[in-house]
Structure formats: C-alpha cells, structure tokens
Amino acid sequence: MSGLPAAPDQTIHVVDDDEALRDSLVWMLEANGYSVAAYDSGEAFLQVCRPDMAGCIVLDVRMPGMSGLELFEELGRRRCGLPVVFITGHGDVPMAVSALKKGAVDFIEKPFGERDMLRLIEHCLQLERDNRDKRLLEAETARRLEHLTQREREVLDLIIVGKLNKQIADVLGISIKTVEVHRARVMEKMGAHSLAELVQHVVTVEPGGVGR
C-alpha cells in the first residue's frame, strides 16, 4: 500500500498509448487508493489539461503522434506545473535524461516494480503539494503587501535591507517611536510572527529586490 496518501483533489494522469500497460498502471494505482485518469495519447491529455490541475503525470516517452517529450514541452508552454515521471524503454534513457534537464522529476525503465513506481508517485504528489502551498503563500503575501500604506511600505523596505529602528527614523525623518508603531503594523498586516519570517515572505515574492 502507498505510504503517503494523495490529497483529495490530486489525480494521477497516466498518458501511454500501450493499452495493456495503461490499464495495468490504472489498476495498480487505484488499488493503492489513488484517483487516476488515463489517456491514450498526448493530444487526448491536452484536451483536458488545465493550469489548476492537481496531482502528477506518468508519461510514456515514446508514443505515436505527439511524443512524451513533445507533450512535456507543450505543458511547459502552457504553464502546467504538474510533476512528470517518464516511462522509458531501454533505448529511451538519453531522451529521459534530456527531459530531466528540462524539469521532469524522474524516469523509470520498463519493466518496473510496483514499489518503485509508488515511490516516484508519492514523491511527485508531495512535490506538487509543496509547490501549491508555496504559490498560495506568495499570492497571500502579495495581497497583504498591497494593503500596506505608503509609509508602512517605506518602513518595510528599510527593515528588509537590515536597517535598525534608529536608522529608519533618520532616513524617513520620523521619530523612533513612530517607526516602532509602523513596524508593529507591518508585522500585523503581513501576518509575520518574527523578523525572519517577514523577510522570508517578502523576498520570496520580490526576489529581485524590495520596493515597488
């Protein structure tokens, strides 16, 4: 059985033109409690693909029509961030390595064992949950930044670059007491419990520097 259950909204998308292998994978994954959707071609998956999908993709490298690599590159253009595990035949390893360099999570060679596949699936699902949590945090941080007053934002920018309260007061021409008030409001509005947390959240949203 799987050691790390999927979130309720996560689906494993199996894309493989080999009907026998596809059916076997679906059976194995469903038997381990996963929600699964199967597609016999890359084109079929693209018809239902949405940027907000949750889960991961198990993708055959070599398929007639659109290959697995071509689908993977198209998903990148469409900003579909689902983690991808490639299924490869013996001669497809170089292609799979190329896909890893472009952002695929891993590949597994046929024939593969159930335990190995489940391990990769669990890793992908955890990765997708972590990425989703990060995006939600970034969106919430950006929303909170928009609700700061101009003065609060000026204080925040100086906090982020390491200025002390006295230095902030000198730069802005205000009293230290006023800086302390603004600083407390910034912490409250940003939902930060420590200076380190405040800096981490803001730098994640604005990695190129502070300020509007």
N, C-alpha and C. Protein backbone atom coordinates (compact mmCIF):
# COMPACT_ATOMS: atom_id res chain seq x y z
N MET A 1 0.84 -1.21 0.00
CA MET A 1 0.00 0.00 0.00
C MET A 1 0.87 1.25 0.00
N SER A 2 0.32 2.34 -0.48
CA SER A 2 1.04 3.61 -0.51
C SER A 2 1.27 4.14 0.89
N GLY A 3 2.48 4.71 1.12
CA GLY A 3 2.78 5.24 2.43
C GLY A 3 2.42 6.69 2.60
N LEU A 4 2.05 7.38 1.52
CA LEU A 4 1.77 8.81 1.60
C LEU A 4 0.52 9.10 0.77
N PRO A 5 -0.64 9.17 1.40
CA PRO A 5 -1.88 9.32 0.63
C PRO A 5 -1.93 10.64 -0.13
N ALA A 6 -2.59 10.59 -1.28
CA ALA A 6 -2.76 11.81 -2.06
C ALA A 6 -3.80 12.69 -1.40
N ALA A 7 -3.68 14.00 -1.66
CA ALA A 7 -4.73 14.91 -1.22
C ALA A 7 -5.99 14.59 -2.01
N PRO A 8 -7.17 14.92 -1.46
CA PRO A 8 -8.43 14.56 -2.13
C PRO A 8 -8.56 15.07 -3.55
N ASP A 9 -7.93 16.22 -3.83
CA ASP A 9 -8.07 16.80 -5.17
C ASP A 9 -6.95 16.41 -6.12
N GLN A 10 -6.05 15.54 -5.70
CA GLN A 10 -4.93 15.15 -6.55
C GLN A 10 -5.29 13.93 -7.41
N THR A 11 -4.96 14.02 -8.69
CA THR A 11 -5.21 12.93 -9.62
C THR A 11 -3.91 12.57 -10.34
N ILE A 12 -3.68 11.28 -10.52
CA ILE A 12 -2.54 10.81 -11.29
C ILE A 12 -3.00 10.63 -12.74
N HIS A 13 -2.38 11.36 -13.64
CA HIS A 13 -2.74 11.30 -15.06
C HIS A 13 -1.76 10.39 -15.78
N VAL A 14 -2.25 9.25 -16.26
CA VAL A 14 -1.42 8.28 -16.96
C VAL A 14 -1.59 8.48 -18.46
N VAL A 15 -0.50 8.82 -19.14
CA VAL A 15 -0.55 9.08 -20.59
C VAL A 15 0.36 8.06 -21.27
N ASP A 16 -0.25 7.07 -21.95
CA ASP A 16 0.50 5.98 -22.57
C ASP A 16 -0.35 5.35 -23.65
N ASP A 17 0.23 5.13 -24.83
CA ASP A 17 -0.53 4.54 -25.93
C ASP A 17 -0.64 3.02 -25.80
N ASP A 18 0.15 2.40 -24.93
CA ASP A 18 0.11 0.96 -24.72
C ASP A 18 -1.07 0.63 -23.80
N GLU A 19 -2.13 0.08 -24.37
CA GLU A 19 -3.36 -0.14 -23.60
C GLU A 19 -3.14 -1.09 -22.43
N ALA A 20 -2.38 -2.15 -22.65
CA ALA A 20 -2.16 -3.13 -21.58
C ALA A 20 -1.40 -2.50 -20.41
N LEU A 21 -0.36 -1.75 -20.72
CA LEU A 21 0.42 -1.10 -19.65
C LEU A 21 -0.41 -0.03 -18.96
N ARG A 22 -1.17 0.70 -19.77
CA ARG A 22 -2.01 1.77 -19.21
C ARG A 22 -3.04 1.18 -18.24
N ASP A 23 -3.71 0.13 -18.65
CA ASP A 23 -4.71 -0.49 -17.79
C ASP A 23 -4.08 -1.07 -16.54
N SER A 24 -2.89 -1.65 -16.68
CA SER A 24 -2.20 -2.22 -15.53
C SER A 24 -1.83 -1.15 -14.52
N LEU A 25 -1.36 -0.02 -15.03
CA LEU A 25 -1.00 1.09 -14.14
C LEU A 25 -2.22 1.65 -13.42
N VAL A 26 -3.30 1.82 -14.16
CA VAL A 26 -4.53 2.34 -13.55
C VAL A 26 -5.01 1.41 -12.45
N TRP A 27 -5.00 0.13 -12.73
CA TRP A 27 -5.45 -0.86 -11.73
C TRP A 27 -4.57 -0.79 -10.48
N MET A 28 -3.26 -0.77 -10.68
CA MET A 28 -2.33 -0.76 -9.56
C MET A 28 -2.48 0.50 -8.71
N LEU A 29 -2.61 1.65 -9.36
CA LEU A 29 -2.71 2.91 -8.63
C LEU A 29 -4.05 3.02 -7.89
N GLU A 30 -5.13 2.62 -8.56
CA GLU A 30 -6.43 2.66 -7.90
C GLU A 30 -6.48 1.69 -6.73
N ALA A 31 -5.82 0.55 -6.86
CA ALA A 31 -5.77 -0.42 -5.77
C ALA A 31 -5.04 0.14 -4.56
N ASN A 32 -4.16 1.12 -4.80
CA ASN A 32 -3.43 1.76 -3.71
C ASN A 32 -4.09 3.06 -3.26
N GLY A 33 -5.32 3.27 -3.67
CA GLY A 33 -6.11 4.39 -3.15
C GLY A 33 -6.00 5.69 -3.90
N TYR A 34 -5.37 5.69 -5.06
CA TYR A 34 -5.19 6.93 -5.81
C TYR A 34 -6.34 7.17 -6.78
N SER A 35 -6.61 8.45 -7.05
CA SER A 35 -7.52 8.83 -8.12
C SER A 35 -6.71 8.89 -9.40
N VAL A 36 -7.19 8.21 -10.45
CA VAL A 36 -6.41 8.07 -11.69
C VAL A 36 -7.27 8.44 -12.90
N ALA A 37 -6.64 9.08 -13.88
CA ALA A 37 -7.26 9.33 -15.18
C ALA A 37 -6.27 8.86 -16.24
N ALA A 38 -6.75 8.18 -17.27
CA ALA A 38 -5.87 7.61 -18.28
C ALA A 38 -6.16 8.20 -19.66
N TYR A 39 -5.10 8.31 -20.48
CA TYR A 39 -5.19 8.90 -21.81
C TYR A 39 -4.31 8.07 -22.74
N ASP A 40 -4.79 7.86 -23.97
CA ASP A 40 -4.02 7.03 -24.90
C ASP A 40 -3.10 7.85 -25.80
N SER A 41 -3.06 9.15 -25.60
CA SER A 41 -2.18 10.00 -26.41
C SER A 41 -1.95 11.34 -25.72
N GLY A 42 -0.88 12.01 -26.14
CA GLY A 42 -0.62 13.35 -25.61
C GLY A 42 -1.71 14.32 -26.02
N GLU A 43 -2.22 14.15 -27.24
CA GLU A 43 -3.28 15.02 -27.72
C GLU A 43 -4.53 14.90 -26.85
N ALA A 44 -4.83 13.67 -26.42
CA ALA A 44 -6.02 13.46 -25.58
C ALA A 44 -5.87 14.16 -24.24
N PHE A 45 -4.66 14.13 -23.68
CA PHE A 45 -4.45 14.80 -22.40
C PHE A 45 -4.56 16.32 -22.55
N LEU A 46 -4.05 16.85 -23.64
CA LEU A 46 -4.08 18.30 -23.84
C LEU A 46 -5.52 18.82 -23.92
N GLN A 47 -6.44 17.97 -24.36
CA GLN A 47 -7.83 18.40 -24.46
C GLN A 47 -8.44 18.71 -23.09
N VAL A 48 -7.92 18.10 -22.04
CA VAL A 48 -8.48 18.30 -20.69
C VAL A 48 -7.53 19.06 -19.77
N CYS A 49 -6.32 19.33 -20.26
CA CYS A 49 -5.30 19.95 -19.41
C CYS A 49 -5.71 21.36 -18.99
N ARG A 50 -5.56 21.65 -17.69
CA ARG A 50 -5.83 22.99 -17.16
C ARG A 50 -4.67 23.39 -16.23
N PRO A 51 -4.36 24.67 -16.16
CA PRO A 51 -3.25 25.11 -15.30
C PRO A 51 -3.49 24.81 -13.81
N ASP A 52 -4.76 24.69 -13.40
CA ASP A 52 -5.05 24.49 -11.98
C ASP A 52 -5.18 23.02 -11.59
N MET A 53 -4.80 22.11 -12.47
CA MET A 53 -4.86 20.69 -12.13
C MET A 53 -3.92 20.37 -10.97
N ALA A 54 -4.34 19.42 -10.14
CA ALA A 54 -3.51 18.99 -9.01
C ALA A 54 -3.20 17.51 -9.17
N GLY A 55 -1.98 17.12 -8.83
CA GLY A 55 -1.59 15.72 -8.93
C GLY A 55 -0.26 15.59 -9.62
N CYS A 56 -0.14 14.64 -10.55
CA CYS A 56 1.09 14.44 -11.30
C CYS A 56 0.77 13.69 -12.59
N ILE A 57 1.79 13.55 -13.44
CA ILE A 57 1.63 12.88 -14.72
C ILE A 57 2.64 11.74 -14.83
N VAL A 58 2.16 10.57 -15.23
CA VAL A 58 3.03 9.44 -15.58
C VAL A 58 2.97 9.35 -17.10
N LEU A 59 4.08 9.57 -17.77
CA LEU A 59 4.09 9.83 -19.21
C LEU A 59 5.08 8.94 -19.95
N ASP A 60 4.59 8.24 -20.96
CA ASP A 60 5.46 7.41 -21.79
C ASP A 60 6.28 8.32 -22.71
N VAL A 61 7.58 8.07 -22.78
CA VAL A 61 8.45 8.89 -23.62
C VAL A 61 8.10 8.74 -25.09
N ARG A 62 7.92 7.48 -25.52
CA ARG A 62 7.78 7.21 -26.95
C ARG A 62 6.34 6.83 -27.27
N MET A 63 5.63 7.70 -28.00
CA MET A 63 4.27 7.42 -28.42
C MET A 63 4.10 7.88 -29.87
N PRO A 64 3.22 7.25 -30.62
CA PRO A 64 2.94 7.73 -31.97
C PRO A 64 2.27 9.09 -31.92
N GLY A 65 2.40 9.87 -32.99
CA GLY A 65 1.85 11.22 -32.95
C GLY A 65 2.73 12.09 -32.08
N MET A 66 2.14 12.76 -31.11
CA MET A 66 2.91 13.59 -30.18
C MET A 66 3.66 12.71 -29.20
N SER A 67 4.97 12.83 -29.17
CA SER A 67 5.77 12.03 -28.24
C SER A 67 5.63 12.57 -26.82
N GLY A 68 6.09 11.78 -25.86
CA GLY A 68 6.05 12.23 -24.47
C GLY A 68 6.86 13.50 -24.26
N LEU A 69 8.02 13.58 -24.91
CA LEU A 69 8.85 14.78 -24.77
C LEU A 69 8.16 16.01 -25.37
N GLU A 70 7.51 15.82 -26.51
CA GLU A 70 6.80 16.94 -27.13
C GLU A 70 5.64 17.41 -26.24
N LEU A 71 4.94 16.45 -25.64
CA LEU A 71 3.87 16.82 -24.71
C LEU A 71 4.44 17.57 -23.52
N PHE A 72 5.54 17.09 -22.98
CA PHE A 72 6.17 17.73 -21.83
C PHE A 72 6.54 19.18 -22.14
N GLU A 73 7.09 19.40 -23.33
CA GLU A 73 7.48 20.76 -23.72
C GLU A 73 6.25 21.64 -23.91
N GLU A 74 5.17 21.07 -24.45
CA GLU A 74 3.94 21.83 -24.64
C GLU A 74 3.32 22.20 -23.29
N LEU A 75 3.40 21.29 -22.33
CA LEU A 75 2.88 21.58 -20.99
C LEU A 75 3.64 22.74 -20.36
N GLY A 76 4.94 22.80 -20.63
CA GLY A 76 5.73 23.92 -20.13
C GLY A 76 5.27 25.24 -20.73
N ARG A 77 4.98 25.23 -22.02
CA ARG A 77 4.50 26.45 -22.68
C ARG A 77 3.14 26.87 -22.13
N ARG A 78 2.33 25.88 -21.72
CA ARG A 78 1.00 26.18 -21.18
C ARG A 78 1.03 26.44 -19.68
N ARG A 79 2.21 26.44 -19.10
CA ARG A 79 2.39 26.69 -17.67
C ARG A 79 1.65 25.67 -16.80
N CYS A 80 1.65 24.44 -17.27
CA CYS A 80 1.12 23.34 -16.46
C CYS A 80 2.25 22.82 -15.59
N GLY A 81 2.14 23.02 -14.28
CA GLY A 81 3.25 22.71 -13.38
C GLY A 81 3.19 21.34 -12.74
N LEU A 82 2.37 20.42 -13.29
CA LEU A 82 2.28 19.09 -12.68
C LEU A 82 3.61 18.36 -12.80
N PRO A 83 4.11 17.77 -11.71
CA PRO A 83 5.33 16.97 -11.79
C PRO A 83 5.15 15.80 -12.76
N VAL A 84 6.21 15.49 -13.50
CA VAL A 84 6.13 14.44 -14.53
C VAL A 84 7.16 13.35 -14.27
N VAL A 85 6.69 12.10 -14.32
CA VAL A 85 7.56 10.92 -14.31
C VAL A 85 7.45 10.27 -15.68
N PHE A 86 8.58 10.06 -16.33
CA PHE A 86 8.57 9.42 -17.64
C PHE A 86 8.74 7.91 -17.52
N ILE A 87 8.00 7.19 -18.35
CA ILE A 87 8.20 5.74 -18.52
C ILE A 87 9.05 5.56 -19.77
N THR A 88 10.13 4.82 -19.64
CA THR A 88 11.04 4.66 -20.78
C THR A 88 11.29 3.20 -21.09
N GLY A 89 11.54 2.94 -22.37
CA GLY A 89 12.08 1.66 -22.78
C GLY A 89 13.59 1.71 -22.67
N HIS A 90 14.25 0.59 -22.95
CA HIS A 90 15.70 0.51 -22.76
C HIS A 90 16.45 1.56 -23.57
N GLY A 91 15.98 1.82 -24.80
CA GLY A 91 16.70 2.75 -25.66
C GLY A 91 16.32 4.21 -25.48
N ASP A 92 15.42 4.48 -24.56
CA ASP A 92 14.91 5.84 -24.40
C ASP A 92 15.55 6.63 -23.26
N VAL A 93 16.53 6.02 -22.61
CA VAL A 93 17.13 6.68 -21.45
C VAL A 93 17.74 8.04 -21.80
N PRO A 94 18.47 8.18 -22.92
CA PRO A 94 19.02 9.50 -23.25
C PRO A 94 17.93 10.57 -23.37
N MET A 95 16.79 10.20 -23.94
CA MET A 95 15.69 11.17 -24.05
C MET A 95 15.16 11.54 -22.67
N ALA A 96 15.09 10.54 -21.79
CA ALA A 96 14.59 10.80 -20.44
C ALA A 96 15.54 11.71 -19.67
N VAL A 97 16.83 11.49 -19.85
CA VAL A 97 17.82 12.35 -19.19
C VAL A 97 17.68 13.79 -19.68
N SER A 98 17.42 13.94 -20.99
CA SER A 98 17.19 15.27 -21.54
C SER A 98 15.97 15.92 -20.89
N ALA A 99 14.93 15.13 -20.66
CA ALA A 99 13.72 15.65 -20.02
C ALA A 99 14.00 16.08 -18.58
N LEU A 100 14.85 15.32 -17.88
CA LEU A 100 15.20 15.69 -16.51
C LEU A 100 15.87 17.06 -16.48
N LYS A 101 16.70 17.32 -17.46
CA LYS A 101 17.39 18.61 -17.52
C LYS A 101 16.42 19.75 -17.78
N LYS A 102 15.26 19.42 -18.35
CA LYS A 102 14.25 20.44 -18.65
C LYS A 102 13.18 20.53 -17.57
N GLY A 103 13.34 19.74 -16.49
CA GLY A 103 12.42 19.92 -15.37
C GLY A 103 11.57 18.73 -14.99
N ALA A 104 11.67 17.61 -15.72
CA ALA A 104 10.94 16.41 -15.30
C ALA A 104 11.48 15.94 -13.94
N VAL A 105 10.64 15.27 -13.17
CA VAL A 105 11.05 14.84 -11.83
C VAL A 105 11.95 13.62 -11.89
N ASP A 106 11.59 12.63 -12.70
CA ASP A 106 12.36 11.39 -12.74
C ASP A 106 11.88 10.56 -13.92
N PHE A 107 12.53 9.42 -14.14
CA PHE A 107 12.04 8.46 -15.13
C PHE A 107 12.23 7.05 -14.57
N ILE A 108 11.45 6.13 -15.11
CA ILE A 108 11.51 4.75 -14.67
C ILE A 108 11.50 3.86 -15.90
N GLU A 109 12.38 2.86 -15.92
CA GLU A 109 12.51 1.98 -17.08
C GLU A 109 11.55 0.80 -16.99
N LYS A 110 11.01 0.41 -18.14
CA LYS A 110 10.20 -0.81 -18.23
C LYS A 110 11.14 -2.01 -18.33
N PRO A 111 10.81 -3.13 -17.71
CA PRO A 111 9.66 -3.32 -16.79
C PRO A 111 10.01 -2.77 -15.40
N PHE A 112 9.03 -2.22 -14.70
CA PHE A 112 9.30 -1.64 -13.40
C PHE A 112 8.44 -2.33 -12.34
N GLY A 113 8.90 -2.25 -11.10
CA GLY A 113 8.17 -2.86 -10.00
C GLY A 113 7.16 -1.89 -9.40
N GLU A 114 6.14 -2.44 -8.78
CA GLU A 114 5.08 -1.62 -8.17
C GLU A 114 5.65 -0.69 -7.12
N ARG A 115 6.54 -1.21 -6.29
CA ARG A 115 7.09 -0.39 -5.20
C ARG A 115 7.86 0.81 -5.74
N ASP A 116 8.64 0.60 -6.81
CA ASP A 116 9.41 1.69 -7.38
C ASP A 116 8.50 2.77 -7.96
N MET A 117 7.45 2.34 -8.65
CA MET A 117 6.52 3.31 -9.22
C MET A 117 5.80 4.09 -8.12
N LEU A 118 5.36 3.39 -7.08
CA LEU A 118 4.65 4.08 -5.99
C LEU A 118 5.56 5.09 -5.29
N ARG A 119 6.82 4.74 -5.16
CA ARG A 119 7.77 5.67 -4.53
C ARG A 119 7.87 6.95 -5.35
N LEU A 120 7.94 6.83 -6.67
CA LEU A 120 8.02 8.01 -7.53
C LEU A 120 6.73 8.82 -7.48
N ILE A 121 5.60 8.11 -7.47
CA ILE A 121 4.30 8.79 -7.40
C ILE A 121 4.19 9.59 -6.11
N GLU A 122 4.56 8.97 -5.01
CA GLU A 122 4.47 9.66 -3.71
C GLU A 122 5.35 10.90 -3.69
N HIS A 123 6.55 10.78 -4.27
CA HIS A 123 7.46 11.93 -4.32
C HIS A 123 6.84 13.06 -5.15
N CYS A 124 6.26 12.71 -6.29
CA CYS A 124 5.65 13.72 -7.17
C CYS A 124 4.47 14.42 -6.49
N LEU A 125 3.64 13.65 -5.82
CA LEU A 125 2.46 14.24 -5.18
C LEU A 125 2.86 15.18 -4.05
N GLN A 126 3.89 14.79 -3.28
CA GLN A 126 4.37 15.67 -2.22
C GLN A 126 4.97 16.94 -2.80
N LEU A 127 5.70 16.79 -3.89
CA LEU A 127 6.29 17.95 -4.57
C LEU A 127 5.21 18.90 -5.06
N GLU A 128 4.15 18.34 -5.63
CA GLU A 128 3.06 19.18 -6.14
C GLU A 128 2.35 19.90 -5.00
N ARG A 129 2.15 19.22 -3.87
CA ARG A 129 1.53 19.88 -2.71
C ARG A 129 2.42 21.01 -2.20
N ASP A 130 3.71 20.76 -2.12
CA ASP A 130 4.64 21.79 -1.65
C ASP A 130 4.63 23.00 -2.58
N ASN A 131 4.64 22.74 -3.90
CA ASN A 131 4.63 23.84 -4.87
C ASN A 131 3.35 24.64 -4.78
N ARG A 132 2.24 23.94 -4.57
CA ARG A 132 0.95 24.63 -4.46
C ARG A 132 0.91 25.50 -3.21
N ASP A 133 1.41 24.95 -2.10
CA ASP A 133 1.46 25.73 -0.86
C ASP A 133 2.31 26.99 -1.03
N LYS A 134 3.42 26.84 -1.76
CA LYS A 134 4.31 27.98 -2.00
C LYS A 134 3.60 29.05 -2.82
N ARG A 135 2.88 28.63 -3.85
CA ARG A 135 2.15 29.60 -4.69
C ARG A 135 1.07 30.32 -3.89
N LEU A 136 0.38 29.58 -3.03
CA LEU A 136 -0.66 30.20 -2.20
C LEU A 136 -0.06 31.22 -1.24
N LEU A 137 1.09 30.87 -0.65
CA LEU A 137 1.77 31.80 0.26
C LEU A 137 2.22 33.05 -0.47
N GLU A 138 2.75 32.88 -1.68
CA GLU A 138 3.20 34.03 -2.46
C GLU A 138 2.03 34.94 -2.81
N ALA A 139 0.90 34.34 -3.19
CA ALA A 139 -0.28 35.14 -3.54
C ALA A 139 -0.81 35.89 -2.32
N GLU A 140 -0.81 35.22 -1.17
CA GLU A 140 -1.29 35.86 0.05
C GLU A 140 -0.34 36.99 0.48
N THR A 141 0.96 36.76 0.34
CA THR A 141 1.93 37.80 0.69
C THR A 141 1.77 39.01 -0.22
N ALA A 142 1.60 38.78 -1.52
CA ALA A 142 1.40 39.89 -2.45
C ALA A 142 0.13 40.67 -2.11
N ARG A 143 -0.91 39.95 -1.73
CA ARG A 143 -2.17 40.61 -1.37
C ARG A 143 -1.97 41.48 -0.13
N ARG A 144 -1.25 40.97 0.85
CA ARG A 144 -1.01 41.72 2.08
C ARG A 144 -0.14 42.95 1.80
N LEU A 145 0.83 42.82 0.90
CA LEU A 145 1.68 43.96 0.57
C LEU A 145 0.85 45.11 -0.01
N GLU A 146 -0.15 44.77 -0.78
CA GLU A 146 -0.99 45.80 -1.40
C GLU A 146 -1.78 46.60 -0.37
N HIS A 147 -1.96 46.03 0.81
CA HIS A 147 -2.76 46.71 1.85
C HIS A 147 -1.91 47.56 2.80
N LEU A 148 -0.62 47.62 2.56
CA LEU A 148 0.23 48.49 3.37
C LEU A 148 0.09 49.94 2.90
N THR A 149 0.15 50.88 3.83
CA THR A 149 0.18 52.28 3.44
C THR A 149 1.55 52.59 2.85
N GLN A 150 1.66 53.76 2.21
CA GLN A 150 2.95 54.13 1.62
C GLN A 150 4.05 54.19 2.68
N ARG A 151 3.73 54.76 3.84
CA ARG A 151 4.73 54.86 4.90
C ARG A 151 5.09 53.48 5.45
N GLU A 152 4.10 52.63 5.60
CA GLU A 152 4.39 51.27 6.07
C GLU A 152 5.28 50.53 5.08
N ARG A 153 5.05 50.76 3.82
CA ARG A 153 5.88 50.10 2.81
C ARG A 153 7.30 50.63 2.85
N GLU A 154 7.45 51.94 3.09
CA GLU A 154 8.79 52.52 3.20
C GLU A 154 9.53 51.92 4.39
N VAL A 155 8.83 51.78 5.51
CA VAL A 155 9.44 51.16 6.69
C VAL A 155 9.81 49.71 6.39
N LEU A 156 8.90 48.98 5.74
CA LEU A 156 9.17 47.58 5.41
C LEU A 156 10.41 47.44 4.54
N ASP A 157 10.51 48.28 3.51
CA ASP A 157 11.67 48.20 2.61
C ASP A 157 12.98 48.39 3.37
N LEU A 158 12.97 49.28 4.34
CA LEU A 158 14.18 49.54 5.12
C LEU A 158 14.45 48.40 6.11
N ILE A 159 13.39 47.80 6.64
CA ILE A 159 13.55 46.61 7.50
C ILE A 159 14.21 45.48 6.72
N ILE A 160 13.72 45.27 5.49
CA ILE A 160 14.20 44.15 4.67
C ILE A 160 15.70 44.28 4.37
N VAL A 161 16.18 45.51 4.20
CA VAL A 161 17.61 45.68 3.89
C VAL A 161 18.46 45.77 5.16
N GLY A 162 17.84 45.54 6.32
CA GLY A 162 18.60 45.40 7.55
C GLY A 162 18.78 46.65 8.39
N LYS A 163 18.00 47.69 8.10
CA LYS A 163 18.13 48.92 8.87
C LYS A 163 17.50 48.75 10.26
N LEU A 164 18.15 49.33 11.26
CA LEU A 164 17.62 49.35 12.62
C LEU A 164 16.60 50.48 12.76
N ASN A 165 15.81 50.43 13.83
CA ASN A 165 14.77 51.45 14.01
C ASN A 165 15.32 52.87 13.97
N LYS A 166 16.45 53.10 14.62
CA LYS A 166 17.03 54.45 14.65
C LYS A 166 17.45 54.88 13.25
N GLN A 167 18.01 53.94 12.48
CA GLN A 167 18.42 54.25 11.11
C GLN A 167 17.21 54.55 10.23
N ILE A 168 16.14 53.78 10.42
CA ILE A 168 14.91 54.01 9.66
C ILE A 168 14.34 55.40 10.00
N ALA A 169 14.38 55.74 11.27
CA ALA A 169 13.88 57.05 11.71
C ALA A 169 14.68 58.17 11.05
N ASP A 170 16.00 58.00 10.98
CA ASP A 170 16.86 59.03 10.36
C ASP A 170 16.57 59.15 8.86
N VAL A 171 16.43 58.02 8.19
CA VAL A 171 16.20 58.02 6.73
C VAL A 171 14.87 58.69 6.41
N LEU A 172 13.83 58.37 7.18
CA LEU A 172 12.48 58.86 6.87
C LEU A 172 12.15 60.18 7.57
N GLY A 173 13.03 60.62 8.47
CA GLY A 173 12.80 61.88 9.17
C GLY A 173 11.63 61.81 10.13
N ILE A 174 11.47 60.67 10.79
CA ILE A 174 10.40 60.49 11.78
C ILE A 174 11.01 60.00 13.08
N SER A 175 10.22 59.96 14.15
CA SER A 175 10.75 59.54 15.44
C SER A 175 10.87 58.02 15.51
N ILE A 176 11.72 57.58 16.42
CA ILE A 176 11.87 56.13 16.63
C ILE A 176 10.55 55.53 17.08
N LYS A 177 9.82 56.25 17.93
CA LYS A 177 8.52 55.76 18.40
C LYS A 177 7.56 55.54 17.23
N THR A 178 7.58 56.47 16.27
CA THR A 178 6.71 56.33 15.10
C THR A 178 7.14 55.13 14.26
N VAL A 179 8.44 54.92 14.14
CA VAL A 179 8.95 53.73 13.42
C VAL A 179 8.44 52.46 14.09
N GLU A 180 8.49 52.43 15.42
CA GLU A 180 8.04 51.25 16.16
C GLU A 180 6.57 50.96 15.91
N VAL A 181 5.77 52.02 15.83
CA VAL A 181 4.33 51.86 15.56
C VAL A 181 4.13 51.29 14.15
N HIS A 182 4.82 51.89 13.19
CA HIS A 182 4.69 51.40 11.81
C HIS A 182 5.19 49.95 11.69
N ARG A 183 6.27 49.67 12.37
CA ARG A 183 6.85 48.32 12.31
C ARG A 183 5.86 47.30 12.86
N ALA A 184 5.22 47.63 13.96
CA ALA A 184 4.24 46.72 14.55
C ALA A 184 3.06 46.50 13.60
N ARG A 185 2.63 47.57 12.94
CA ARG A 185 1.52 47.45 12.00
C ARG A 185 1.91 46.60 10.79
N VAL A 186 3.14 46.76 10.32
CA VAL A 186 3.64 45.96 9.19
C VAL A 186 3.64 44.49 9.55
N MET A 187 4.15 44.16 10.73
CA MET A 187 4.18 42.77 11.18
C MET A 187 2.78 42.19 11.25
N GLU A 188 1.84 42.99 11.77
CA GLU A 188 0.46 42.51 11.91
C GLU A 188 -0.19 42.32 10.54
N LYS A 189 -0.04 43.31 9.67
CA LYS A 189 -0.68 43.22 8.35
C LYS A 189 -0.08 42.10 7.50
N MET A 190 1.20 41.84 7.66
CA MET A 190 1.86 40.80 6.87
C MET A 190 1.68 39.41 7.49
N GLY A 191 1.10 39.37 8.70
CA GLY A 191 0.89 38.08 9.34
C GLY A 191 2.18 37.39 9.73
N ALA A 192 3.22 38.17 9.99
CA ALA A 192 4.53 37.62 10.34
C ALA A 192 4.72 37.60 11.85
N HIS A 193 5.27 36.50 12.35
CA HIS A 193 5.49 36.36 13.79
C HIS A 193 6.92 36.68 14.21
N SER A 194 7.79 36.87 13.22
CA SER A 194 9.18 37.21 13.52
C SER A 194 9.76 37.99 12.35
N LEU A 195 10.87 38.66 12.61
CA LEU A 195 11.54 39.40 11.55
C LEU A 195 11.99 38.46 10.44
N ALA A 196 12.51 37.30 10.81
CA ALA A 196 12.98 36.34 9.81
C ALA A 196 11.84 35.90 8.90
N GLU A 197 10.68 35.65 9.49
CA GLU A 197 9.51 35.24 8.71
C GLU A 197 9.07 36.35 7.76
N LEU A 198 9.09 37.57 8.25
CA LEU A 198 8.72 38.73 7.43
C LEU A 198 9.63 38.83 6.22
N VAL A 199 10.93 38.78 6.46
CA VAL A 199 11.91 38.90 5.37
C VAL A 199 11.75 37.76 4.37
N GLN A 200 11.58 36.55 4.87
CA GLN A 200 11.45 35.38 4.00
C GLN A 200 10.26 35.51 3.07
N HIS A 201 9.12 35.93 3.62
CA HIS A 201 7.91 36.04 2.82
C HIS A 201 8.06 37.10 1.73
N VAL A 202 8.58 38.26 2.10
CA VAL A 202 8.68 39.36 1.15
C VAL A 202 9.70 39.06 0.06
N VAL A 203 10.84 38.49 0.43
CA VAL A 203 11.88 38.20 -0.55
C VAL A 203 11.41 37.12 -1.52
N THR A 204 10.55 36.21 -1.06
CA THR A 204 10.01 35.18 -1.95
C THR A 204 9.17 35.79 -3.05
N VAL A 205 8.40 36.82 -2.69
CA VAL A 205 7.53 37.48 -3.67
C VAL A 205 8.32 38.45 -4.54
N GLU A 206 9.34 39.11 -3.95
CA GLU A 206 10.11 40.11 -4.68
C GLU A 206 11.60 39.75 -4.63
N PRO A 207 11.98 38.64 -5.31
CA PRO A 207 13.36 38.17 -5.22
C PRO A 207 14.38 39.14 -5.80
N GLY A 208 13.93 40.02 -6.69
CA GLY A 208 14.86 40.95 -7.31
C GLY A 208 15.16 42.18 -6.49
N GLY A 209 14.52 42.28 -5.35
CA GLY A 209 14.75 43.45 -4.51
C GLY A 209 13.45 43.98 -3.98
N VAL A 210 13.56 44.89 -3.04
CA VAL A 210 12.38 45.44 -2.41
C VAL A 210 11.96 46.71 -3.12
N GLY A 211 10.80 47.19 -2.71
CA GLY A 211 10.30 48.43 -3.29
C GLY A 211 9.37 48.16 -4.45
N ARG A 212 8.51 49.09 -4.72
CA ARG A 212 7.53 48.92 -5.80
C ARG A 212 8.13 49.27 -7.14
